[in-house]
Amino acid sequence: MEEQPLFQQRTDLTALNQAVMSIRNEIRKIIVGQDEMVRLIITALLADGHVLIEGVPGVAKTMTAKLVAKSVDAGFSRIQFTPDLMPSDVLGTPVFNPREASFEFKKGPVFSNIVLVDEINRAPAKTQSALLEIMEERQATVDGKTYMMATPFMVLATQNPVEQEGTYRLPEAQLDRFLFKITVPYPSESEEMTILSQFHQMGNASPLEMIHPVLSSQQIVSLRQQVKTLLIEERLLQFIAKLVHQTRNNKSVYLGASPRASLAIMNASKAMAAIQGRDFVTPEDILAIAPPVLRHRIILSPDKEMEGITEDDVIKQIIQSMDVPR
């Protein structure tokens, strides 16, 4: 008599798992280590969210974003934010057509599927705010007309936490629109040795030329719809609500997370579960994505900042004080 499986998969995740593995394999041709960054970017891609990547120069933030975009057969554009960048440089501008004797809207670089915004904190608030409507509502309003963004649409933004001269802090409303804030560490010594060896062997070959598209735009839309149908129990929804509520009632926190954070944790935990090959969310999925979802959505009290306590420290403390459902 055959043994019955412990649980019956309600959703066939074979195609999704193959897609995730294919993207990872393409990126690993170039990127050594940084598995957490790659995993979270893929999670955000499946959860229909935007990503803010923070790290010092040279840790492959921009390269990883480019490789993810190259592994997807979709539109890609890169915008280098600078202090003199105007909103029209991002959104586009009306151009007079003498033949038609009328103005035509020439779309800017933000009208693409995957948009890489390099050094997002370099541009002034006026230009940064041009992304607010786009990131949340997937549309842009210019001269009273609304233009819809392509589907799928994802913003990958990078910033340097160290160099603050000539930068403008991102407004809280804009930070709240990013699903994740990923902090990228330095590679280990062994990983750095592998990087040196790998690039030495590559010679004159371009890294981007080694990456091939493994996923189409339509497949991404289909996988996102599949992720939304994954099961999450009522007790886990209560845990998410309680976790976010705790950030608003903690002495170390000046400003807690918004309800958008609760939705972000739920959607991202579903995508994380799917990547793990499950059609249901576990507490471990929630705990894994809580720090990148919350770290940019809370503001610490001034005294805690002076003590050198970080947002991740407070999030860890809140989680440890709670009863995690099992």
Protein backbone atom coordinates (compact mmCIF):
# COMPACT_ATOMS: atom_id res chain seq x y z
CA MET A 1 0.00 0.00 0.00
CA GLU A 2 1.47 3.36 -1.06
CA GLU A 3 2.04 6.01 1.58
CA GLN A 4 -0.05 9.16 1.18
CA PRO A 5 1.83 12.49 1.00
CA LEU A 6 1.76 14.63 4.14
CA PHE A 7 -0.10 17.39 2.31
CA GLN A 8 -1.74 17.77 -1.07
CA GLN A 9 -0.49 20.63 -3.25
CA ARG A 10 -3.54 22.67 -4.24
CA THR A 11 -1.56 24.77 -6.73
CA ASP A 12 0.90 23.45 -9.28
CA LEU A 13 4.05 25.52 -8.75
CA THR A 14 6.27 23.59 -11.16
CA ALA A 15 6.41 26.36 -13.77
CA LEU A 16 7.04 28.99 -11.10
CA ASN A 17 9.88 27.03 -9.50
CA GLN A 18 11.49 26.39 -12.89
CA ALA A 19 11.29 30.12 -13.69
CA VAL A 20 12.89 31.10 -10.37
CA MET A 21 15.66 28.55 -10.78
CA SER A 22 16.34 29.73 -14.33
CA ILE A 23 16.68 33.38 -13.23
CA ARG A 24 18.97 32.39 -10.35
CA ASN A 25 21.17 30.32 -12.64
CA GLU A 26 21.49 33.18 -15.13
CA ILE A 27 22.47 35.66 -12.41
CA ARG A 28 24.96 33.23 -10.83
CA LYS A 29 26.91 33.26 -14.09
CA ILE A 30 28.10 36.73 -13.06
CA ILE A 31 27.19 37.48 -9.43
CA VAL A 32 29.06 35.67 -6.66
CA GLY A 33 27.25 35.47 -3.34
CA GLN A 34 24.59 38.13 -2.62
CA ASP A 35 22.03 35.29 -2.54
CA GLU A 36 19.77 37.25 -0.18
CA MET A 37 19.60 40.24 -2.53
CA VAL A 38 18.83 38.04 -5.53
CA ARG A 39 16.18 36.07 -3.62
CA LEU A 40 14.41 39.22 -2.43
CA ILE A 41 14.45 40.83 -5.90
CA ILE A 42 12.87 37.69 -7.38
CA THR A 43 10.34 37.66 -4.51
CA ALA A 44 9.44 41.29 -5.26
CA LEU A 45 9.11 40.49 -8.97
CA LEU A 46 6.55 37.76 -8.14
CA ALA A 47 4.80 39.92 -5.52
CA ASP A 48 4.43 42.88 -7.91
CA GLY A 49 6.52 45.19 -5.73
CA HIS A 50 9.31 47.74 -6.07
CA VAL A 51 12.73 47.40 -4.47
CA LEU A 52 15.15 49.89 -2.90
CA ILE A 53 18.71 48.52 -2.80
CA GLU A 54 21.12 50.22 -0.40
CA GLY A 55 24.84 49.57 -0.25
CA VAL A 56 28.26 51.14 -0.68
CA PRO A 57 29.64 51.51 -4.23
CA GLY A 58 30.98 48.37 -5.90
CA VAL A 59 28.85 45.66 -4.27
CA ALA A 60 26.98 44.83 -7.52
CA LYS A 61 23.71 46.68 -6.79
CA THR A 62 23.29 48.08 -10.29
CA MET A 63 24.78 45.02 -11.98
CA THR A 64 22.36 42.66 -10.22
CA ALA A 65 19.38 44.84 -11.17
CA LYS A 66 20.56 44.84 -14.81
CA LEU A 67 21.03 41.06 -14.81
CA VAL A 68 17.53 40.46 -13.41
CA ALA A 69 16.11 42.70 -16.12
CA LYS A 70 18.17 40.96 -18.81
CA SER A 71 16.93 37.52 -17.67
CA VAL A 72 13.36 38.71 -18.31
CA ASP A 73 12.19 39.26 -21.88
CA ALA A 74 10.65 42.65 -21.14
CA GLY A 75 11.35 46.35 -21.61
CA PHE A 76 14.20 47.80 -19.55
CA SER A 77 15.36 51.36 -18.98
CA ARG A 78 17.94 52.94 -16.70
CA ILE A 79 17.67 56.44 -15.24
CA GLN A 80 20.72 58.00 -13.58
CA PHE A 81 19.38 60.44 -10.99
CA THR A 82 21.39 63.67 -10.66
CA PRO A 83 20.76 66.95 -8.79
CA ASP A 84 19.76 68.75 -12.03
CA LEU A 85 17.32 66.05 -13.21
CA MET A 86 13.84 67.42 -13.92
CA PRO A 87 10.50 65.52 -13.69
CA SER A 88 10.12 65.82 -17.48
CA ASP A 89 13.43 63.95 -17.88
CA VAL A 90 11.75 60.99 -16.14
CA LEU A 91 8.12 61.21 -17.28
CA GLY A 92 8.55 62.69 -20.74
CA THR A 93 7.33 65.92 -22.25
CA PRO A 94 4.82 67.22 -24.85
CA VAL A 95 6.55 67.92 -28.19
CA PHE A 96 5.07 70.13 -30.92
CA ASN A 97 4.39 68.31 -34.18
CA PRO A 98 4.36 70.94 -36.97
CA ARG A 99 2.80 68.54 -39.48
CA GLU A 100 -0.21 67.94 -37.24
CA ALA A 101 -0.04 71.44 -35.68
CA SER A 102 -0.51 69.86 -32.25
CA PHE A 103 1.47 68.63 -29.26
CA GLU A 104 2.34 64.96 -28.91
CA PHE A 105 3.47 63.40 -25.66
CA LYS A 106 6.93 61.88 -25.94
CA LYS A 107 7.19 59.24 -23.23
CA GLY A 108 10.19 59.31 -20.92
CA PRO A 109 12.40 56.40 -19.79
CA VAL A 110 10.07 55.50 -16.92
CA PHE A 111 7.62 54.01 -19.45
CA SER A 112 9.10 50.53 -19.50
CA ASN A 113 8.62 47.20 -17.73
CA ILE A 114 11.65 47.15 -15.43
CA VAL A 115 13.06 50.57 -14.55
CA LEU A 116 16.44 50.91 -12.83
CA VAL A 117 16.73 54.21 -10.95
CA ASP A 118 20.39 54.60 -10.06
CA GLU A 119 21.25 56.71 -6.99
CA ILE A 120 17.65 57.72 -6.42
CA ASN A 121 18.60 60.04 -3.55
CA ARG A 122 20.67 62.25 -5.89
CA ALA A 123 17.64 63.98 -7.40
CA PRO A 124 15.66 66.74 -5.62
CA ALA A 125 12.25 66.06 -4.09
CA LYS A 126 10.40 67.48 -7.11
CA THR A 127 11.87 64.82 -9.38
CA GLN A 128 11.56 62.04 -6.80
CA SER A 129 7.88 62.87 -6.39
CA ALA A 130 7.37 62.21 -10.11
CA LEU A 131 7.65 58.52 -9.22
CA LEU A 132 5.00 58.59 -6.46
CA GLU A 133 1.91 58.18 -8.65
CA ILE A 134 3.71 55.79 -11.00
CA MET A 135 4.88 53.40 -8.26
CA GLU A 136 1.54 53.18 -6.51
CA GLU A 137 -1.07 53.55 -9.25
CA ARG A 138 0.96 52.37 -12.28
CA GLN A 139 0.06 55.54 -14.16
CA ALA A 140 1.45 59.00 -14.86
CA THR A 141 -0.51 62.24 -15.22
CA VAL A 142 1.08 64.86 -17.48
CA ASP A 143 -0.69 68.06 -18.54
CA GLY A 144 -4.01 66.70 -17.30
CA LYS A 145 -3.76 63.46 -19.29
CA THR A 146 -3.25 60.05 -17.69
CA TYR A 147 -0.92 57.50 -19.27
CA MET A 148 -0.94 53.90 -18.06
CA MET A 149 2.31 52.05 -17.43
CA ALA A 150 3.19 48.81 -19.20
CA THR A 151 2.48 45.47 -17.51
CA PRO A 152 4.43 44.15 -15.69
CA PHE A 153 6.02 47.23 -14.11
CA MET A 154 8.76 47.27 -11.49
CA VAL A 155 11.13 49.92 -10.12
CA LEU A 156 14.56 48.88 -8.88
CA ALA A 157 16.24 51.82 -7.14
CA THR A 158 19.74 52.03 -5.66
CA GLN A 159 21.27 54.41 -3.14
CA ASN A 160 24.56 54.84 -1.29
CA PRO A 161 24.14 55.14 2.52
CA VAL A 162 27.59 56.64 3.15
CA GLU A 163 28.05 59.57 0.78
CA GLN A 164 25.52 62.21 1.82
CA GLU A 165 26.92 65.29 0.05
CA GLY A 166 24.63 66.36 -2.77
CA THR A 167 21.87 63.93 -1.82
CA TYR A 168 18.24 64.41 -0.87
CA ARG A 169 16.59 62.13 1.65
CA LEU A 170 13.67 60.18 0.20
CA PRO A 171 10.30 61.34 1.57
CA GLU A 172 8.50 58.85 3.82
CA ALA A 173 5.59 58.64 1.37
CA GLN A 174 7.95 57.45 -1.35
CA LEU A 175 9.81 54.99 0.89
CA ASP A 176 6.46 53.45 1.81
CA ARG A 177 5.88 52.56 -1.83
CA PHE A 178 8.87 50.22 -1.94
CA LEU A 179 8.01 46.63 -1.05
CA PHE A 180 11.56 45.91 0.18
CA LYS A 181 14.61 47.82 1.26
CA ILE A 182 17.57 45.50 0.73
CA THR A 183 20.85 46.26 2.46
CA VAL A 184 23.80 44.81 0.56
CA PRO A 185 26.91 43.80 2.58
CA TYR A 186 30.49 43.40 1.41
CA PRO A 187 31.35 39.93 0.05
CA SER A 188 33.37 37.56 2.22
CA GLU A 189 37.07 37.05 1.50
CA SER A 190 36.46 33.71 -0.23
CA GLU A 191 33.65 35.22 -2.32
CA GLU A 192 35.91 38.10 -3.33
CA MET A 193 38.58 35.62 -4.41
CA THR A 194 35.96 33.84 -6.54
CA ILE A 195 34.95 37.19 -8.09
CA LEU A 196 38.56 37.93 -9.06
CA SER A 197 39.08 34.47 -10.53
CA GLN A 198 35.77 34.53 -12.42
CA PHE A 199 36.32 37.95 -14.03
CA HIS A 200 39.92 37.03 -14.88
CA GLN A 201 38.68 33.97 -16.78
CA MET A 202 35.99 36.00 -18.57
CA GLY A 203 38.64 38.16 -20.24
CA ASN A 204 37.04 40.61 -22.66
CA ALA A 205 33.59 39.03 -22.50
CA SER A 206 30.76 41.38 -21.47
CA PRO A 207 28.85 40.11 -18.42
CA LEU A 208 25.48 41.18 -19.83
CA GLU A 209 26.08 39.25 -23.06
CA MET A 210 26.28 36.03 -21.04
CA ILE A 211 22.72 36.44 -19.74
CA HIS A 212 19.76 35.18 -21.78
CA PRO A 213 16.04 35.87 -21.23
CA VAL A 214 14.33 32.95 -19.51
CA LEU A 215 10.95 34.52 -18.69
CA SER A 216 8.47 36.55 -20.74
CA SER A 217 6.33 39.48 -19.60
CA GLN A 218 3.17 37.39 -19.97
CA GLN A 219 4.67 34.61 -17.83
CA ILE A 220 5.42 37.11 -15.05
CA VAL A 221 1.80 38.34 -15.10
CA SER A 222 0.58 34.74 -14.96
CA LEU A 223 2.93 33.80 -12.09
CA ARG A 224 1.88 36.88 -10.10
CA GLN A 225 -1.77 35.86 -10.40
CA GLN A 226 -0.84 32.38 -9.21
CA VAL A 227 1.05 33.74 -6.18
CA LYS A 228 -2.00 35.77 -5.09
CA THR A 229 -4.08 32.58 -4.80
CA LEU A 230 -1.74 30.93 -2.27
CA LEU A 231 -3.19 29.99 1.12
CA ILE A 232 -2.50 32.01 4.26
CA GLU A 233 -4.27 31.03 7.48
CA GLU A 234 -6.28 33.43 9.63
CA ARG A 235 -3.84 33.06 12.54
CA LEU A 236 -0.99 34.21 10.32
CA LEU A 237 -2.96 37.24 9.17
CA GLN A 238 -3.52 38.06 12.85
CA PHE A 239 0.22 37.67 13.46
CA ILE A 240 1.02 40.10 10.61
CA ALA A 241 -1.47 42.66 11.93
CA LYS A 242 -0.08 42.34 15.46
CA LEU A 243 3.52 42.63 14.24
CA VAL A 244 2.83 45.86 12.33
CA HIS A 245 0.73 47.21 15.21
CA GLN A 246 3.66 46.60 17.60
CA THR A 247 5.84 48.97 15.53
CA ARG A 248 3.35 51.74 16.35
CA ASN A 249 3.46 51.06 20.09
CA ASN A 250 7.18 50.62 20.69
CA LYS A 251 9.14 53.12 22.78
CA SER A 252 12.08 52.93 20.38
CA VAL A 253 9.95 53.91 17.38
CA TYR A 254 8.89 57.49 16.62
CA LEU A 255 6.78 56.55 13.57
CA GLY A 256 5.43 53.04 13.04
CA ALA A 257 4.62 51.12 9.86
CA SER A 258 1.49 51.86 7.81
CA PRO A 259 -1.28 49.43 6.77
CA ARG A 260 0.54 49.24 3.42
CA ALA A 261 3.27 47.38 5.35
CA SER A 262 0.75 44.73 6.45
CA LEU A 263 -0.31 44.15 2.84
CA ALA A 264 3.34 44.08 1.77
CA ILE A 265 4.18 41.38 4.35
CA MET A 266 1.19 39.27 3.27
CA ASN A 267 1.93 39.52 -0.46
CA ALA A 268 5.69 39.04 -0.07
CA SER A 269 5.26 36.04 2.25
CA LYS A 270 3.06 34.38 -0.41
CA ALA A 271 5.79 34.93 -3.01
CA MET A 272 8.43 33.63 -0.59
CA ALA A 273 6.35 30.50 0.03
CA ALA A 274 5.99 29.94 -3.72
CA ILE A 275 9.75 30.20 -4.21
CA GLN A 276 10.15 27.54 -1.51
CA GLY A 277 7.79 25.27 -3.47
CA ARG A 278 4.81 25.59 -1.12
CA ASP A 279 1.29 26.79 -1.89
CA PHE A 280 0.75 27.94 1.70
CA VAL A 281 2.46 30.51 3.92
CA THR A 282 4.32 29.52 7.09
CA PRO A 283 5.47 31.74 10.00
CA GLU A 284 9.04 31.34 8.71
CA ASP A 285 8.06 33.08 5.45
CA ILE A 286 6.72 36.05 7.42
CA LEU A 287 9.78 36.24 9.66
CA ALA A 288 12.10 36.08 6.64
CA ILE A 289 10.56 39.04 4.84
CA ALA A 290 9.58 41.20 7.86
CA PRO A 291 12.95 43.06 8.13
CA PRO A 292 13.21 44.13 4.45
CA VAL A 293 9.53 45.14 4.46
CA LEU A 294 9.67 47.15 7.70
CA ARG A 295 13.17 48.63 7.94
CA HIS A 296 12.40 51.62 5.70
CA ARG A 297 8.88 52.12 7.03
CA ILE A 298 9.70 52.92 10.66
CA ILE A 299 11.47 55.95 12.10
CA LEU A 300 13.42 55.47 15.30
CA SER A 301 13.19 57.90 18.18
CA PRO A 302 16.14 60.37 18.28
CA ASP A 303 17.58 58.94 21.51
CA LYS A 304 17.72 55.41 20.07
CA GLU A 305 19.43 56.69 16.92
CA MET A 306 22.06 58.38 19.10
CA GLU A 307 22.63 55.08 20.88
CA GLY A 308 23.47 53.48 17.53
CA ILE A 309 20.43 51.19 17.49
CA THR A 310 19.25 50.29 13.98
CA GLU A 311 15.81 49.60 12.55
CA ASP A 312 16.74 45.92 12.16
CA ASP A 313 17.61 45.75 15.88
CA VAL A 314 14.18 47.08 16.82
CA ILE A 315 12.36 44.76 14.39
CA LYS A 316 14.27 41.78 15.82
CA GLN A 317 13.39 42.89 19.35
CA ILE A 318 9.68 43.19 18.46
CA ILE A 319 9.61 39.72 16.86
CA GLN A 320 11.37 38.15 19.86
CA SER A 321 8.78 39.68 22.21
CA MET A 322 5.89 38.08 20.30
CA ASP A 323 4.42 34.60 20.31
CA VAL A 324 5.10 33.21 16.84
CA PRO A 325 2.25 30.91 15.73
CA ARG A 326 3.26 27.30 15.07
